[in-house]
């Protein structure tokens, strides 16, 4: 026979019961209560030690550095004149590729992957680029299972529209971007 015992704080909730093997078992509702008591017993000592260590060490703060990059708002708000396939490819680019291959919005224009644009499509050819996107490289994951063939084609259509004037300048790559270098059309 199973005997139910109740805890005074958890009335009508079984706290301990004797299971079929004869040993006592905690119910799930008692465990948070037990952990709360255990935490309240341990916390004051841990918190007291942390306060003592922080009081012993002088407070050091690093200076706050604010980096701002002015953008040409008109250029950002202008709707791109792309074909439907290139627009879909641009959306895929922003979702899957821009984090590693596009430095806009990053503290510097340095990226994990190389700059990609129309020059890349012309140099490698669409078929070789499809193979690289599908299989990946040592540093880039393959998208064979993440993108459909149609999506890869749309991505390549978008890359064909990215001209060399959009490539980061030497000043931008060096982290000396003042916004003027970007508006000069890529020195």
N, C-alpha and C. Protein backbone atom coordinates (compact mmCIF):
# COMPACT_ATOMS: atom_id res chain seq x y z
N UNK A 1 0.83 -1.18 0.00
CA UNK A 1 0.00 0.00 0.00
C UNK A 1 0.88 1.25 0.00
N UNK A 2 0.51 2.25 -0.81
CA UNK A 2 1.26 3.49 -0.91
C UNK A 2 0.69 4.48 0.07
N UNK A 3 1.57 5.07 0.87
CA UNK A 3 1.13 6.08 1.84
C UNK A 3 1.52 7.46 1.31
N UNK A 4 0.59 8.36 1.26
CA UNK A 4 0.86 9.74 0.86
C UNK A 4 1.05 10.59 2.10
N UNK A 5 2.10 11.38 2.09
CA UNK A 5 2.37 12.31 3.17
C UNK A 5 2.36 13.71 2.59
N UNK A 6 1.79 14.65 3.28
CA UNK A 6 1.73 16.01 2.77
C UNK A 6 2.60 16.92 3.60
N UNK A 7 3.15 17.90 2.94
CA UNK A 7 3.95 18.92 3.61
C UNK A 7 3.01 20.04 4.03
N UNK A 8 3.22 20.65 5.18
CA UNK A 8 2.28 21.69 5.63
C UNK A 8 2.19 22.88 4.67
N UNK A 9 3.29 23.21 3.95
CA UNK A 9 3.24 24.34 3.03
C UNK A 9 2.59 23.98 1.70
N UNK A 10 2.55 22.72 1.40
CA UNK A 10 1.96 22.27 0.15
C UNK A 10 0.77 21.37 0.47
N UNK A 11 -0.22 21.92 1.07
CA UNK A 11 -1.35 21.12 1.51
C UNK A 11 -2.02 20.47 0.32
N UNK A 12 -2.47 19.29 0.51
CA UNK A 12 -3.14 18.45 -0.47
C UNK A 12 -2.23 18.08 -1.65
N UNK A 13 -0.93 18.35 -1.54
CA UNK A 13 0.01 17.94 -2.57
C UNK A 13 0.90 16.86 -2.00
N UNK A 14 0.93 15.69 -2.58
CA UNK A 14 1.82 14.66 -2.06
C UNK A 14 3.26 15.10 -2.18
N UNK A 15 3.99 15.01 -1.09
CA UNK A 15 5.38 15.43 -1.08
C UNK A 15 6.28 14.21 -1.15
N UNK A 16 6.09 13.29 -0.25
CA UNK A 16 6.87 12.07 -0.24
C UNK A 16 5.92 10.89 -0.32
N UNK A 17 6.32 9.88 -1.01
CA UNK A 17 5.53 8.67 -0.99
C UNK A 17 6.47 7.48 -1.07
N UNK A 18 6.01 6.40 -0.60
CA UNK A 18 6.81 5.18 -0.62
C UNK A 18 6.45 4.45 -1.92
N UNK A 19 7.47 4.23 -2.75
CA UNK A 19 7.20 3.55 -4.01
C UNK A 19 7.13 2.04 -3.80
N UNK A 20 6.95 1.31 -4.87
CA UNK A 20 6.72 -0.13 -4.76
C UNK A 20 7.94 -0.89 -4.24
N UNK A 21 9.13 -0.33 -4.41
CA UNK A 21 10.32 -1.02 -3.91
C UNK A 21 10.53 -0.75 -2.42
N UNK A 22 9.74 0.12 -1.82
CA UNK A 22 9.83 0.38 -0.41
C UNK A 22 10.66 1.59 -0.04
N UNK A 23 11.28 2.28 -1.04
CA UNK A 23 12.07 3.47 -0.71
C UNK A 23 11.21 4.72 -0.88
N UNK A 24 11.64 5.80 -0.25
CA UNK A 24 10.90 7.06 -0.31
C UNK A 24 11.30 7.82 -1.56
N UNK A 25 10.34 8.49 -2.21
CA UNK A 25 10.56 9.22 -3.45
C UNK A 25 9.95 10.61 -3.32
N UNK A 26 10.66 11.62 -3.87
CA UNK A 26 10.14 12.99 -3.89
C UNK A 26 9.23 13.17 -5.10
N UNK A 27 8.17 13.94 -4.94
CA UNK A 27 7.33 14.24 -6.09
C UNK A 27 7.90 15.45 -6.80
N UNK A 28 7.45 15.68 -8.02
CA UNK A 28 7.95 16.79 -8.82
C UNK A 28 7.60 18.14 -8.23
N UNK A 29 6.50 18.24 -7.54
CA UNK A 29 6.09 19.54 -6.99
C UNK A 29 6.93 19.92 -5.78
N UNK A 30 7.54 18.94 -5.14
CA UNK A 30 8.36 19.24 -3.97
C UNK A 30 9.76 19.69 -4.37
N UNK A 31 10.24 19.27 -5.53
CA UNK A 31 11.60 19.57 -5.94
C UNK A 31 11.89 21.07 -6.02
N UNK A 32 11.06 21.91 -6.65
CA UNK A 32 11.35 23.35 -6.66
C UNK A 32 11.39 23.94 -5.25
N UNK A 33 10.53 23.46 -4.39
CA UNK A 33 10.52 23.94 -3.01
C UNK A 33 11.84 23.58 -2.33
N UNK A 34 12.28 22.36 -2.51
CA UNK A 34 13.53 21.90 -1.92
C UNK A 34 14.72 22.68 -2.48
N UNK A 35 14.75 22.89 -3.79
CA UNK A 35 15.83 23.66 -4.41
C UNK A 35 15.84 25.11 -3.94
N UNK A 36 14.67 25.69 -3.73
CA UNK A 36 14.59 27.06 -3.23
C UNK A 36 15.19 27.18 -1.84
N UNK A 37 14.90 26.22 -0.99
CA UNK A 37 15.47 26.23 0.36
C UNK A 37 16.99 26.06 0.28
N UNK A 38 17.45 25.12 -0.55
CA UNK A 38 18.89 24.88 -0.68
C UNK A 38 19.59 26.13 -1.22
N UNK A 39 19.00 26.79 -2.18
CA UNK A 39 19.60 28.01 -2.76
C UNK A 39 19.67 29.12 -1.73
N UNK A 40 18.63 29.26 -0.92
CA UNK A 40 18.64 30.33 0.09
C UNK A 40 19.68 30.07 1.16
N UNK A 41 20.04 28.82 1.39
CA UNK A 41 21.08 28.51 2.37
C UNK A 41 22.48 28.75 1.80
N UNK A 42 22.66 28.51 0.51
CA UNK A 42 23.96 28.64 -0.13
C UNK A 42 24.24 30.07 -0.56
N UNK A 43 23.26 30.79 -1.03
CA UNK A 43 23.43 32.11 -1.63
C UNK A 43 24.09 33.13 -0.71
N UNK A 44 23.72 33.29 0.55
CA UNK A 44 24.35 34.34 1.35
C UNK A 44 25.86 34.20 1.42
N UNK A 45 26.38 32.99 1.54
CA UNK A 45 27.82 32.81 1.59
C UNK A 45 28.48 33.16 0.27
N UNK A 46 27.90 32.73 -0.82
CA UNK A 46 28.45 33.00 -2.14
C UNK A 46 28.40 34.49 -2.43
N UNK A 47 27.26 35.12 -2.14
CA UNK A 47 27.11 36.55 -2.41
C UNK A 47 28.04 37.37 -1.52
N UNK A 48 28.21 36.94 -0.28
CA UNK A 48 29.10 37.66 0.63
C UNK A 48 30.54 37.61 0.14
N UNK A 49 30.98 36.46 -0.37
CA UNK A 49 32.33 36.34 -0.90
C UNK A 49 32.51 37.23 -2.12
N UNK A 50 31.50 37.28 -3.01
CA UNK A 50 31.58 38.11 -4.21
C UNK A 50 31.65 39.58 -3.83
N UNK A 51 30.87 40.00 -2.84
CA UNK A 51 30.92 41.40 -2.40
C UNK A 51 32.28 41.74 -1.81
N UNK A 52 32.85 40.82 -1.03
CA UNK A 52 34.15 41.07 -0.41
C UNK A 52 35.23 41.18 -1.48
N UNK A 53 35.18 40.34 -2.51
CA UNK A 53 36.16 40.41 -3.58
C UNK A 53 36.02 41.70 -4.37
N UNK A 54 34.79 42.12 -4.65
CA UNK A 54 34.60 43.34 -5.42
C UNK A 54 35.01 44.57 -4.61
N UNK A 55 34.86 44.53 -3.30
CA UNK A 55 35.28 45.66 -2.47
C UNK A 55 36.79 45.74 -2.38
N UNK A 56 37.47 44.60 -2.44
CA UNK A 56 38.92 44.57 -2.33
C UNK A 56 39.60 45.07 -3.60
N UNK A 57 38.98 44.89 -4.74
CA UNK A 57 39.57 45.30 -6.01
C UNK A 57 39.05 46.68 -6.39
N UNK A 58 39.95 47.56 -6.84
CA UNK A 58 39.48 48.88 -7.26
C UNK A 58 38.68 48.76 -8.56
N UNK A 59 37.67 49.56 -8.66
CA UNK A 59 36.81 49.54 -9.84
C UNK A 59 37.55 50.14 -11.02
N UNK A 60 37.64 49.40 -12.11
CA UNK A 60 38.26 49.90 -13.32
C UNK A 60 37.22 49.89 -14.42
N UNK A 61 37.18 50.95 -15.16
CA UNK A 61 36.25 51.04 -16.27
C UNK A 61 37.03 51.36 -17.52
N UNK A 62 36.60 50.79 -18.60
CA UNK A 62 37.22 51.12 -19.88
C UNK A 62 36.43 52.25 -20.51
N UNK A 63 37.14 53.12 -21.22
CA UNK A 63 36.43 54.25 -21.83
C UNK A 63 35.46 53.77 -22.91
N UNK A 64 34.34 54.40 -22.96
CA UNK A 64 33.32 54.08 -23.94
C UNK A 64 33.68 54.74 -25.26
N UNK A 65 33.71 53.95 -26.31
CA UNK A 65 34.04 54.46 -27.64
C UNK A 65 32.81 54.33 -28.51
N UNK A 66 32.36 55.43 -29.05
CA UNK A 66 31.20 55.44 -29.93
C UNK A 66 31.69 55.61 -31.36
N UNK A 67 31.34 54.66 -32.19
CA UNK A 67 31.73 54.71 -33.60
C UNK A 67 30.47 54.99 -34.41
N UNK A 68 30.53 56.02 -35.18
CA UNK A 68 29.37 56.32 -36.03
C UNK A 68 29.83 56.36 -37.48
N UNK A 69 28.95 55.94 -38.34
CA UNK A 69 29.25 55.94 -39.75
C UNK A 69 28.08 56.59 -40.46
N UNK A 70 28.29 57.74 -41.05
CA UNK A 70 27.18 58.38 -41.78
C UNK A 70 26.90 57.63 -43.08
N UNK A 71 25.65 57.40 -43.34
CA UNK A 71 25.21 56.75 -44.57
C UNK A 71 24.47 57.76 -45.42
N UNK A 72 24.50 57.53 -46.71
CA UNK A 72 23.70 58.36 -47.61
C UNK A 72 22.27 57.83 -47.54
N UNK A 73 21.43 58.54 -46.81
CA UNK A 73 20.07 58.07 -46.57
C UNK A 73 19.28 57.93 -47.87
N UNK A 74 19.49 58.82 -48.82
CA UNK A 74 18.75 58.74 -50.08
C UNK A 74 19.10 57.44 -50.81
N UNK A 75 20.37 57.07 -50.77
CA UNK A 75 20.78 55.83 -51.43
C UNK A 75 20.19 54.61 -50.71
N UNK A 76 20.14 54.67 -49.39
CA UNK A 76 19.59 53.55 -48.64
C UNK A 76 18.09 53.39 -48.85
N UNK A 77 17.38 54.52 -49.01
CA UNK A 77 15.93 54.47 -49.15
C UNK A 77 15.46 54.27 -50.58
N UNK A 78 16.36 54.46 -51.55
CA UNK A 78 16.00 54.28 -52.95
C UNK A 78 15.81 52.80 -53.24
N UNK A 79 14.69 52.50 -53.83
CA UNK A 79 14.39 51.11 -54.17
C UNK A 79 15.31 50.67 -55.31
N UNK A 80 15.95 49.52 -55.16
CA UNK A 80 16.85 49.07 -56.22
C UNK A 80 16.08 48.72 -57.49
N UNK A 81 16.69 49.04 -58.62
CA UNK A 81 16.05 48.71 -59.89
C UNK A 81 16.59 47.36 -60.36
N UNK A 82 16.08 46.32 -59.75
CA UNK A 82 16.53 44.96 -60.05
C UNK A 82 15.39 44.16 -60.65
N UNK A 83 15.76 43.14 -61.39
CA UNK A 83 14.74 42.22 -61.89
C UNK A 83 14.17 41.44 -60.71
N UNK A 84 13.08 40.74 -60.95
CA UNK A 84 12.44 39.99 -59.86
C UNK A 84 13.39 38.91 -59.33
N UNK A 85 14.10 38.23 -60.23
CA UNK A 85 15.04 37.19 -59.80
C UNK A 85 16.18 37.80 -58.98
N UNK A 86 16.68 38.96 -59.40
CA UNK A 86 17.77 39.61 -58.67
C UNK A 86 17.28 40.11 -57.31
N UNK A 87 16.04 40.57 -57.22
CA UNK A 87 15.50 41.00 -55.93
C UNK A 87 15.39 39.83 -54.96
N UNK A 88 14.94 38.69 -55.46
CA UNK A 88 14.89 37.49 -54.62
C UNK A 88 16.29 37.05 -54.23
N UNK A 89 17.23 37.19 -55.17
CA UNK A 89 18.62 36.86 -54.87
C UNK A 89 19.21 37.79 -53.83
N UNK A 90 18.80 39.06 -53.87
CA UNK A 90 19.25 40.03 -52.86
C UNK A 90 18.74 39.63 -51.48
N UNK A 91 17.50 39.18 -51.40
CA UNK A 91 16.95 38.74 -50.12
C UNK A 91 17.73 37.53 -49.60
N UNK A 92 18.06 36.60 -50.48
CA UNK A 92 18.86 35.44 -50.07
C UNK A 92 20.25 35.90 -49.63
N UNK A 93 20.82 36.85 -50.36
CA UNK A 93 22.13 37.41 -50.01
C UNK A 93 22.10 37.98 -48.59
N UNK A 94 21.09 38.77 -48.29
CA UNK A 94 21.00 39.39 -46.97
C UNK A 94 20.82 38.35 -45.87
N UNK A 95 20.08 37.28 -46.16
CA UNK A 95 19.80 36.26 -45.16
C UNK A 95 20.96 35.29 -44.97
N UNK A 96 21.64 34.92 -46.03
CA UNK A 96 22.60 33.83 -45.96
C UNK A 96 24.06 34.23 -46.18
N UNK A 97 24.32 35.32 -46.90
CA UNK A 97 25.68 35.59 -47.36
C UNK A 97 26.29 36.87 -46.80
N UNK A 98 25.48 37.90 -46.59
CA UNK A 98 26.00 39.22 -46.27
C UNK A 98 26.78 39.26 -44.96
N UNK A 99 26.43 38.43 -44.01
CA UNK A 99 27.12 38.46 -42.72
C UNK A 99 28.62 38.21 -42.90
N UNK A 100 28.98 37.32 -43.81
CA UNK A 100 30.39 37.00 -44.02
C UNK A 100 31.03 37.72 -45.20
N UNK A 101 30.23 38.16 -46.17
CA UNK A 101 30.78 38.71 -47.39
C UNK A 101 30.53 40.19 -47.60
N UNK A 102 29.79 40.85 -46.72
CA UNK A 102 29.47 42.26 -46.91
C UNK A 102 29.76 43.00 -45.62
N UNK A 103 30.63 43.99 -45.65
CA UNK A 103 31.05 44.69 -44.45
C UNK A 103 30.17 45.85 -44.04
N UNK A 104 29.12 46.17 -44.79
CA UNK A 104 28.26 47.29 -44.43
C UNK A 104 27.57 46.97 -43.10
N UNK A 105 27.63 47.90 -42.18
CA UNK A 105 27.01 47.70 -40.88
C UNK A 105 27.95 47.10 -39.86
N UNK A 106 29.14 46.72 -40.27
CA UNK A 106 30.14 46.17 -39.36
C UNK A 106 31.04 47.31 -38.89
N UNK A 107 31.74 47.15 -37.75
CA UNK A 107 32.65 48.21 -37.28
C UNK A 107 33.73 48.54 -38.31
N UNK A 108 34.22 47.54 -39.01
CA UNK A 108 35.13 47.77 -40.14
C UNK A 108 34.54 47.02 -41.32
N UNK A 109 35.07 47.26 -42.47
CA UNK A 109 34.57 46.58 -43.65
C UNK A 109 35.25 45.23 -43.87
N UNK A 110 36.10 44.84 -42.92
CA UNK A 110 36.76 43.54 -43.04
C UNK A 110 35.73 42.45 -42.78
N UNK A 111 35.75 41.44 -43.61
CA UNK A 111 34.78 40.36 -43.51
C UNK A 111 35.50 39.01 -43.45
N UNK A 112 34.77 37.98 -43.05
CA UNK A 112 35.36 36.64 -42.99
C UNK A 112 35.58 36.08 -44.39
N UNK A 113 34.70 36.40 -45.30
CA UNK A 113 34.81 35.91 -46.67
C UNK A 113 35.20 37.03 -47.61
N UNK A 114 35.57 36.70 -48.83
CA UNK A 114 35.97 37.73 -49.79
C UNK A 114 34.77 38.53 -50.29
N UNK A 115 35.06 39.70 -50.82
CA UNK A 115 34.03 40.52 -51.45
C UNK A 115 33.53 39.80 -52.68
N UNK A 116 32.22 39.76 -52.86
CA UNK A 116 31.62 39.11 -54.02
C UNK A 116 30.81 40.12 -54.80
N UNK A 117 30.93 40.06 -56.10
CA UNK A 117 30.18 40.95 -56.96
C UNK A 117 30.21 40.44 -58.38
N UNK A 118 29.92 41.34 -59.33
CA UNK A 118 29.88 40.97 -60.74
C UNK A 118 31.25 40.49 -61.21
N UNK A 119 32.32 41.08 -60.65
CA UNK A 119 33.68 40.66 -61.02
C UNK A 119 33.90 39.19 -60.68
N UNK A 120 33.40 38.77 -59.55
CA UNK A 120 33.56 37.38 -59.12
C UNK A 120 32.81 36.44 -60.05
N UNK A 121 31.60 36.82 -60.43
CA UNK A 121 30.81 35.98 -61.34
C UNK A 121 31.52 35.87 -62.68
N UNK A 122 32.09 36.98 -63.18
CA UNK A 122 32.80 36.95 -64.45
C UNK A 122 34.09 36.15 -64.35
N UNK A 123 34.81 36.28 -63.25
CA UNK A 123 36.09 35.59 -63.10
C UNK A 123 35.91 34.08 -62.95
N UNK A 124 34.96 33.66 -62.15
CA UNK A 124 34.77 32.23 -61.89
C UNK A 124 33.81 31.58 -62.87
N UNK A 125 32.84 32.33 -63.31
CA UNK A 125 31.79 31.77 -64.15
C UNK A 125 30.65 31.27 -63.28
N UNK A 126 29.42 31.34 -63.79
CA UNK A 126 28.26 30.94 -63.00
C UNK A 126 28.29 29.47 -62.55
N UNK A 127 28.80 28.58 -63.40
CA UNK A 127 28.81 27.15 -63.04
C UNK A 127 29.77 26.88 -61.88
N UNK A 128 30.95 27.46 -61.93
CA UNK A 128 31.92 27.27 -60.85
C UNK A 128 31.40 27.89 -59.56
N UNK A 129 30.75 29.04 -59.66
CA UNK A 129 30.19 29.70 -58.48
C UNK A 129 29.07 28.85 -57.86
N UNK A 130 28.23 28.23 -58.72
CA UNK A 130 27.19 27.33 -58.22
C UNK A 130 27.82 26.16 -57.45
N UNK A 131 28.91 25.63 -57.99
CA UNK A 131 29.57 24.50 -57.33
C UNK A 131 30.14 24.91 -55.98
N UNK A 132 30.73 26.10 -55.90
CA UNK A 132 31.29 26.59 -54.63
C UNK A 132 30.19 26.83 -53.61
N UNK A 133 29.10 27.45 -54.05
CA UNK A 133 27.98 27.71 -53.14
C UNK A 133 27.40 26.39 -52.63
N UNK A 134 27.30 25.39 -53.49
CA UNK A 134 26.73 24.11 -53.09
C UNK A 134 27.64 23.32 -52.16
N UNK A 135 28.92 23.21 -52.52
CA UNK A 135 29.84 22.37 -51.74
C UNK A 135 30.53 23.13 -50.61
N UNK A 136 30.68 24.44 -50.75
CA UNK A 136 31.38 25.21 -49.73
C UNK A 136 32.88 25.14 -49.93
N UNK A 137 33.61 25.74 -49.02
CA UNK A 137 35.07 25.73 -49.03
C UNK A 137 35.54 25.38 -47.62
N UNK A 138 36.83 25.52 -47.39
CA UNK A 138 37.37 25.24 -46.05
C UNK A 138 36.76 26.15 -45.00
N UNK A 139 36.46 27.41 -45.36
CA UNK A 139 35.95 28.38 -44.40
C UNK A 139 34.46 28.67 -44.56
N UNK A 140 33.88 28.23 -45.66
CA UNK A 140 32.47 28.54 -45.93
C UNK A 140 31.65 27.26 -45.94
N UNK A 141 30.50 27.26 -45.29
CA UNK A 141 29.64 26.07 -45.33
C UNK A 141 29.00 25.92 -46.71
N UNK A 142 28.74 24.72 -47.08
CA UNK A 142 28.03 24.46 -48.32
C UNK A 142 26.53 24.66 -48.12
N UNK A 143 25.87 25.11 -49.18
CA UNK A 143 24.44 25.37 -49.10
C UNK A 143 23.65 24.41 -49.99
N UNK A 144 24.23 23.26 -50.29
CA UNK A 144 23.58 22.28 -51.15
C UNK A 144 22.23 21.86 -50.60
N UNK A 145 22.13 21.73 -49.28
CA UNK A 145 20.87 21.30 -48.68
C UNK A 145 20.06 22.47 -48.15
N UNK A 146 20.64 23.66 -48.12
CA UNK A 146 19.95 24.82 -47.57
C UNK A 146 19.32 25.73 -48.62
N UNK A 147 19.77 25.62 -49.86
CA UNK A 147 19.23 26.45 -50.94
C UNK A 147 18.84 25.58 -52.13
N UNK A 148 17.73 25.91 -52.73
CA UNK A 148 17.31 25.23 -53.95
C UNK A 148 18.15 25.74 -55.12
N UNK A 149 18.19 24.97 -56.19
CA UNK A 149 18.94 25.38 -57.39
C UNK A 149 18.42 26.72 -57.91
N UNK A 150 17.13 26.92 -57.85
CA UNK A 150 16.52 28.18 -58.29
C UNK A 150 17.00 29.34 -57.43
N UNK A 151 17.13 29.13 -56.14
CA UNK A 151 17.60 30.18 -55.24
C UNK A 151 19.07 30.52 -55.51
N UNK A 152 19.89 29.52 -55.82
CA UNK A 152 21.29 29.78 -56.16
C UNK A 152 21.36 30.59 -57.44
N UNK A 153 20.51 30.27 -58.41
CA UNK A 153 20.47 31.06 -59.66
C UNK A 153 20.06 32.50 -59.37
N UNK A 154 19.08 32.70 -58.49
CA UNK A 154 18.66 34.06 -58.13
C UNK A 154 19.79 34.80 -57.42
N UNK A 155 20.52 34.12 -56.58
CA UNK A 155 21.65 34.73 -55.89
C UNK A 155 22.72 35.17 -56.88
N UNK A 156 23.00 34.35 -57.86
CA UNK A 156 24.00 34.70 -58.88
C UNK A 156 23.50 35.87 -59.72
N UNK A 157 22.20 35.91 -60.00
CA UNK A 157 21.63 37.05 -60.73
C UNK A 157 21.83 38.34 -59.94
N UNK A 158 21.66 38.28 -58.63
CA UNK A 158 21.89 39.46 -57.82
C UNK A 158 23.36 39.85 -57.84
N UNK A 159 24.26 38.88 -57.71
CA UNK A 159 25.70 39.20 -57.70
C UNK A 159 26.14 39.86 -59.00
N UNK A 160 25.48 39.54 -60.09
CA UNK A 160 25.81 40.17 -61.38
C UNK A 160 25.51 41.66 -61.36
N UNK A 161 24.62 42.11 -60.46
CA UNK A 161 24.26 43.53 -60.39
C UNK A 161 25.16 44.33 -59.43
N UNK A 162 26.00 43.66 -58.68
CA UNK A 162 26.86 44.33 -57.71
C UNK A 162 28.13 44.76 -58.42
N UNK A 163 28.23 46.06 -58.68
CA UNK A 163 29.35 46.60 -59.43
C UNK A 163 30.57 46.89 -58.57
N UNK A 164 31.70 47.15 -59.21
CA UNK A 164 32.94 47.44 -58.47
C UNK A 164 32.87 48.75 -57.68
N UNK A 165 31.96 49.65 -58.04
CA UNK A 165 31.83 50.90 -57.29
C UNK A 165 31.29 50.68 -55.87
N UNK A 166 30.70 49.50 -55.62
CA UNK A 166 30.17 49.19 -54.29
C UNK A 166 31.20 48.50 -53.41
N UNK A 167 32.34 48.17 -53.99
CA UNK A 167 33.40 47.49 -53.24
C UNK A 167 33.99 48.46 -52.22
N UNK A 168 34.31 48.00 -51.01
CA UNK A 168 34.88 48.89 -50.00
C UNK A 168 36.20 49.48 -50.45
N UNK A 169 36.43 50.73 -50.10
CA UNK A 169 37.67 51.40 -50.45
C UNK A 169 38.78 50.98 -49.49
N UNK A 170 40.01 51.37 -49.81
CA UNK A 170 41.14 51.06 -48.93
C UNK A 170 40.96 51.72 -47.56
N UNK A 171 40.43 52.95 -47.56
CA UNK A 171 40.20 53.65 -46.28
C UNK A 171 39.15 52.93 -45.45
N UNK A 172 38.11 52.43 -46.08
CA UNK A 172 37.07 51.70 -45.35
C UNK A 172 37.63 50.39 -44.79
N UNK A 173 38.44 49.69 -45.57
CA UNK A 173 39.03 48.45 -45.09
C UNK A 173 40.00 48.70 -43.94
N UNK A 174 40.64 49.87 -43.93
CA UNK A 174 41.57 50.20 -42.86
C UNK A 174 40.84 50.71 -41.63
N UNK A 175 39.53 50.88 -41.72
CA UNK A 175 38.74 51.34 -40.59
C UNK A 175 38.73 52.84 -40.44
N UNK A 176 39.12 53.56 -41.49
CA UNK A 176 39.16 55.03 -41.42
C UNK A 176 38.00 55.64 -42.19
N UNK A 177 36.91 54.91 -42.29
CA UNK A 177 35.78 55.39 -43.06
C UNK A 177 35.16 56.61 -42.41
N UNK A 178 35.06 57.68 -43.18
CA UNK A 178 34.41 58.88 -42.66
C UNK A 178 33.11 59.13 -43.37
N UNK A 179 32.76 58.24 -44.29
CA UNK A 179 31.53 58.44 -45.05
C UNK A 179 31.82 59.11 -46.37
N UNK A 180 32.82 60.00 -46.42
CA UNK A 180 33.17 60.67 -47.65
C UNK A 180 33.79 59.70 -48.64
N UNK A 181 34.59 58.77 -48.11
CA UNK A 181 35.23 57.80 -48.99
C UNK A 181 34.19 56.93 -49.68
N UNK A 182 33.13 56.63 -48.97
CA UNK A 182 32.08 55.79 -49.54
C UNK A 182 31.33 56.53 -50.64
N UNK A 183 31.21 57.84 -50.52
CA UNK A 183 30.45 58.59 -51.50
C UNK A 183 31.29 58.96 -52.72
N UNK A 184 32.60 58.73 -52.67
CA UNK A 184 33.46 59.04 -53.82
C UNK A 184 33.39 57.97 -54.89
N UNK A 185 32.61 56.95 -54.67
CA UNK A 185 32.48 55.93 -55.70
C UNK A 185 33.59 54.90 -55.66
N UNK A 186 34.23 54.71 -54.54
CA UNK A 186 35.22 53.65 -54.40
C UNK A 186 36.55 54.00 -54.96
N UNK A 187 37.15 55.07 -54.55
CA UNK A 187 38.47 55.59 -54.95
C UNK A 187 39.30 54.61 -55.73
